[in-house]
């Protein structure tokens, strides 16, 4: 295993390992993995500055996005999802 992910090997499954290998994710991947709404994901990615365009496809830089979510904690989702 790479980095410090080995310290949490008893807490993660195959889906987490595959997700950790990705540098960029799509909106749908973020919605499924983080259990957030489309609006919350786009708002958080915008605030974090994690958007990257690849031709016509828009991707999210996972490391920047996760850092933003860690800074704002799980309760930060309420702040991110302003209605």
N, C-alpha and C. Protein backbone atom coordinates (compact mmCIF):
# COMPACT_ATOMS: atom_id res chain seq x y z
N UNK A 1 0.84 -1.19 0.00
CA UNK A 1 0.00 0.00 0.00
C UNK A 1 0.88 1.23 0.00
N UNK A 2 0.31 2.33 -0.39
CA UNK A 2 1.08 3.55 -0.57
C UNK A 2 0.68 4.60 0.46
N UNK A 3 1.57 5.54 0.72
CA UNK A 3 1.26 6.63 1.64
C UNK A 3 0.94 6.13 3.03
N UNK A 4 -0.04 6.76 3.65
CA UNK A 4 -0.45 6.37 5.00
C UNK A 4 -1.75 5.59 5.01
N UNK A 5 -2.20 5.16 3.85
CA UNK A 5 -3.47 4.45 3.77
C UNK A 5 -3.39 3.11 4.51
N UNK A 6 -2.19 2.54 4.66
CA UNK A 6 -2.04 1.26 5.36
C UNK A 6 -2.49 1.35 6.81
N UNK A 7 -2.43 2.55 7.42
CA UNK A 7 -2.83 2.69 8.82
C UNK A 7 -4.33 2.47 9.02
N UNK A 8 -5.08 2.62 7.95
CA UNK A 8 -6.53 2.49 8.03
C UNK A 8 -7.02 1.26 7.27
N UNK A 9 -6.15 0.33 6.98
CA UNK A 9 -6.49 -0.82 6.16
C UNK A 9 -7.59 -1.69 6.76
N UNK A 10 -7.76 -1.66 8.07
CA UNK A 10 -8.82 -2.45 8.70
C UNK A 10 -10.18 -1.75 8.60
N UNK A 11 -10.19 -0.48 8.20
CA UNK A 11 -11.43 0.30 8.15
C UNK A 11 -11.93 0.56 6.73
N UNK A 12 -11.16 0.20 5.72
CA UNK A 12 -11.55 0.51 4.35
C UNK A 12 -11.81 -0.77 3.56
N UNK A 13 -12.59 -0.63 2.50
CA UNK A 13 -12.89 -1.78 1.66
C UNK A 13 -12.33 -1.53 0.26
N UNK A 14 -12.65 -2.42 -0.66
CA UNK A 14 -12.12 -2.32 -2.03
C UNK A 14 -12.58 -1.05 -2.73
N UNK A 15 -13.81 -0.64 -2.49
CA UNK A 15 -14.33 0.58 -3.11
C UNK A 15 -13.51 1.80 -2.68
N UNK A 16 -13.15 1.86 -1.40
CA UNK A 16 -12.34 2.97 -0.90
C UNK A 16 -10.95 2.96 -1.52
N UNK A 17 -10.37 1.78 -1.68
CA UNK A 17 -9.04 1.69 -2.29
C UNK A 17 -9.06 2.14 -3.74
N UNK A 18 -10.05 1.72 -4.49
CA UNK A 18 -10.16 2.13 -5.89
C UNK A 18 -10.40 3.63 -5.99
N UNK A 19 -11.21 4.17 -5.11
CA UNK A 19 -11.50 5.60 -5.12
C UNK A 19 -10.26 6.41 -4.77
N UNK A 20 -9.45 5.92 -3.84
CA UNK A 20 -8.24 6.63 -3.39
C UNK A 20 -7.19 6.70 -4.50
N UNK A 21 -7.26 5.81 -5.47
CA UNK A 21 -6.29 5.81 -6.56
C UNK A 21 -6.59 6.86 -7.62
N UNK A 22 -7.76 7.44 -7.59
CA UNK A 22 -8.16 8.43 -8.59
C UNK A 22 -7.73 9.83 -8.19
N UNK A 23 -7.23 10.58 -9.15
CA UNK A 23 -6.87 11.98 -8.89
C UNK A 23 -8.05 12.88 -9.21
N UNK A 24 -8.82 12.52 -10.23
CA UNK A 24 -9.97 13.31 -10.64
C UNK A 24 -11.21 12.44 -10.61
N UNK A 25 -12.33 13.03 -10.21
CA UNK A 25 -13.60 12.31 -10.15
C UNK A 25 -14.67 13.11 -10.87
N UNK A 26 -15.73 12.42 -11.26
CA UNK A 26 -16.87 13.08 -11.89
C UNK A 26 -17.88 13.48 -10.81
N UNK A 27 -18.86 14.28 -11.21
CA UNK A 27 -19.92 14.66 -10.27
C UNK A 27 -20.61 13.43 -9.72
N UNK A 28 -20.98 12.51 -10.60
CA UNK A 28 -21.72 11.32 -10.17
C UNK A 28 -20.92 10.46 -9.20
N UNK A 29 -19.62 10.35 -9.43
CA UNK A 29 -18.78 9.59 -8.50
C UNK A 29 -18.77 10.26 -7.13
N UNK A 30 -18.66 11.58 -7.11
CA UNK A 30 -18.64 12.32 -5.83
C UNK A 30 -19.98 12.19 -5.12
N UNK A 31 -21.07 12.27 -5.84
CA UNK A 31 -22.40 12.15 -5.26
C UNK A 31 -22.57 10.78 -4.61
N UNK A 32 -22.16 9.73 -5.31
CA UNK A 32 -22.29 8.37 -4.78
C UNK A 32 -21.38 8.12 -3.60
N UNK A 33 -20.13 8.55 -3.69
CA UNK A 33 -19.14 8.23 -2.66
C UNK A 33 -19.34 9.05 -1.39
N UNK A 34 -19.57 10.34 -1.53
CA UNK A 34 -19.69 11.22 -0.36
C UNK A 34 -21.13 11.33 0.16
N UNK A 35 -22.07 10.75 -0.55
CA UNK A 35 -23.49 10.78 -0.15
C UNK A 35 -23.98 12.22 -0.02
N UNK A 36 -23.66 13.03 -1.01
CA UNK A 36 -24.08 14.43 -1.03
C UNK A 36 -24.95 14.65 -2.26
N UNK A 37 -25.72 15.71 -2.25
CA UNK A 37 -26.55 16.03 -3.40
C UNK A 37 -25.70 16.68 -4.49
N UNK A 38 -26.26 16.75 -5.69
CA UNK A 38 -25.57 17.38 -6.82
C UNK A 38 -25.24 18.83 -6.49
N UNK A 39 -26.20 19.51 -5.93
CA UNK A 39 -26.00 20.92 -5.59
C UNK A 39 -24.90 21.10 -4.55
N UNK A 40 -24.87 20.24 -3.55
CA UNK A 40 -23.84 20.33 -2.50
C UNK A 40 -22.45 20.05 -3.06
N UNK A 41 -22.35 19.06 -3.94
CA UNK A 41 -21.06 18.72 -4.55
C UNK A 41 -20.55 19.86 -5.41
N UNK A 42 -21.42 20.41 -6.26
CA UNK A 42 -20.97 21.49 -7.14
C UNK A 42 -20.61 22.74 -6.34
N UNK A 43 -21.38 23.03 -5.31
CA UNK A 43 -21.10 24.20 -4.48
C UNK A 43 -19.77 24.04 -3.74
N UNK A 44 -19.52 22.87 -3.17
CA UNK A 44 -18.28 22.62 -2.44
C UNK A 44 -17.08 22.63 -3.38
N UNK A 45 -17.22 22.03 -4.54
CA UNK A 45 -16.12 22.01 -5.51
C UNK A 45 -15.81 23.41 -6.01
N UNK A 46 -16.83 24.22 -6.18
CA UNK A 46 -16.63 25.61 -6.61
C UNK A 46 -15.92 26.41 -5.52
N UNK A 47 -16.38 26.28 -4.28
CA UNK A 47 -15.74 27.01 -3.17
C UNK A 47 -14.30 26.56 -2.95
N UNK A 48 -14.04 25.26 -3.18
CA UNK A 48 -12.69 24.73 -2.99
C UNK A 48 -11.77 25.05 -4.16
N UNK A 49 -12.34 25.41 -5.28
CA UNK A 49 -11.53 25.66 -6.48
C UNK A 49 -11.02 24.36 -7.08
N UNK A 50 -11.83 23.32 -7.01
CA UNK A 50 -11.41 21.99 -7.44
C UNK A 50 -11.91 21.61 -8.83
N UNK A 51 -12.48 22.53 -9.58
CA UNK A 51 -12.98 22.23 -10.92
C UNK A 51 -11.85 22.19 -11.93
N UNK A 52 -11.87 21.20 -12.82
CA UNK A 52 -10.94 21.11 -13.93
C UNK A 52 -11.71 20.73 -15.17
N UNK A 53 -11.45 21.44 -16.26
CA UNK A 53 -12.12 21.14 -17.52
C UNK A 53 -11.20 20.31 -18.40
N UNK A 54 -11.75 19.26 -18.96
CA UNK A 54 -11.06 18.42 -19.90
C UNK A 54 -11.93 18.35 -21.14
N UNK A 55 -11.62 19.17 -22.11
CA UNK A 55 -12.45 19.35 -23.30
C UNK A 55 -13.83 19.85 -22.85
N UNK A 56 -14.87 19.05 -23.06
CA UNK A 56 -16.20 19.48 -22.63
C UNK A 56 -16.60 18.88 -21.27
N UNK A 57 -15.76 18.00 -20.74
CA UNK A 57 -16.06 17.33 -19.48
C UNK A 57 -15.47 18.11 -18.31
N UNK A 58 -16.26 18.26 -17.25
CA UNK A 58 -15.79 18.94 -16.05
C UNK A 58 -15.54 17.88 -14.98
N UNK A 59 -14.33 17.90 -14.42
CA UNK A 59 -13.94 16.95 -13.39
C UNK A 59 -13.62 17.70 -12.09
N UNK A 60 -13.56 16.96 -11.01
CA UNK A 60 -13.24 17.52 -9.70
C UNK A 60 -11.92 16.93 -9.24
N UNK A 61 -10.99 17.77 -8.85
CA UNK A 61 -9.70 17.32 -8.29
C UNK A 61 -9.97 16.80 -6.89
N UNK A 62 -9.84 15.48 -6.71
CA UNK A 62 -10.24 14.83 -5.47
C UNK A 62 -9.47 15.33 -4.25
N UNK A 63 -8.18 15.54 -4.37
CA UNK A 63 -7.38 15.95 -3.21
C UNK A 63 -7.80 17.33 -2.69
N UNK A 64 -8.06 18.26 -3.59
CA UNK A 64 -8.50 19.60 -3.19
C UNK A 64 -9.90 19.54 -2.58
N UNK A 65 -10.77 18.76 -3.21
CA UNK A 65 -12.15 18.62 -2.75
C UNK A 65 -12.19 18.01 -1.34
N UNK A 66 -11.42 16.94 -1.12
CA UNK A 66 -11.42 16.30 0.19
C UNK A 66 -10.79 17.19 1.26
N UNK A 67 -9.79 17.96 0.89
CA UNK A 67 -9.19 18.89 1.85
C UNK A 67 -10.21 19.93 2.29
N UNK A 68 -11.00 20.42 1.35
CA UNK A 68 -12.05 21.38 1.67
C UNK A 68 -13.09 20.75 2.60
N UNK A 69 -13.48 19.51 2.31
CA UNK A 69 -14.47 18.84 3.16
C UNK A 69 -13.92 18.59 4.56
N UNK A 70 -12.63 18.25 4.66
CA UNK A 70 -12.01 18.05 5.98
C UNK A 70 -11.97 19.35 6.77
N UNK A 71 -11.66 20.46 6.12
CA UNK A 71 -11.59 21.75 6.81
C UNK A 71 -12.95 22.15 7.37
N UNK A 72 -13.99 21.82 6.65
CA UNK A 72 -15.33 22.23 7.07
C UNK A 72 -16.05 21.14 7.84
N UNK A 73 -15.45 19.98 7.98
CA UNK A 73 -16.02 18.90 8.77
C UNK A 73 -17.31 18.37 8.20
N UNK A 74 -17.86 17.38 8.84
CA UNK A 74 -19.11 16.79 8.37
C UNK A 74 -20.26 17.77 8.52
N UNK A 75 -20.20 18.64 9.53
CA UNK A 75 -21.24 19.65 9.69
C UNK A 75 -21.11 20.74 8.64
N UNK A 76 -19.96 20.80 7.98
CA UNK A 76 -19.75 21.78 6.91
C UNK A 76 -20.65 21.53 5.72
N UNK A 77 -21.18 20.31 5.61
CA UNK A 77 -22.09 20.02 4.51
C UNK A 77 -23.33 20.90 4.60
N UNK A 78 -23.77 21.19 5.82
CA UNK A 78 -24.94 22.07 5.97
C UNK A 78 -24.61 23.46 5.45
N UNK A 79 -23.40 23.90 5.72
CA UNK A 79 -22.97 25.22 5.23
C UNK A 79 -22.85 25.19 3.71
N UNK A 80 -22.34 24.08 3.17
CA UNK A 80 -22.14 23.95 1.74
C UNK A 80 -23.48 23.90 1.02
N UNK A 81 -24.46 23.24 1.58
CA UNK A 81 -25.75 23.07 0.94
C UNK A 81 -26.72 24.14 1.42
N UNK A 82 -26.47 25.36 1.03
CA UNK A 82 -27.33 26.48 1.40
C UNK A 82 -28.54 26.46 0.49
N UNK A 83 -29.71 26.50 1.07
CA UNK A 83 -30.94 26.47 0.24
C UNK A 83 -31.65 27.77 0.32
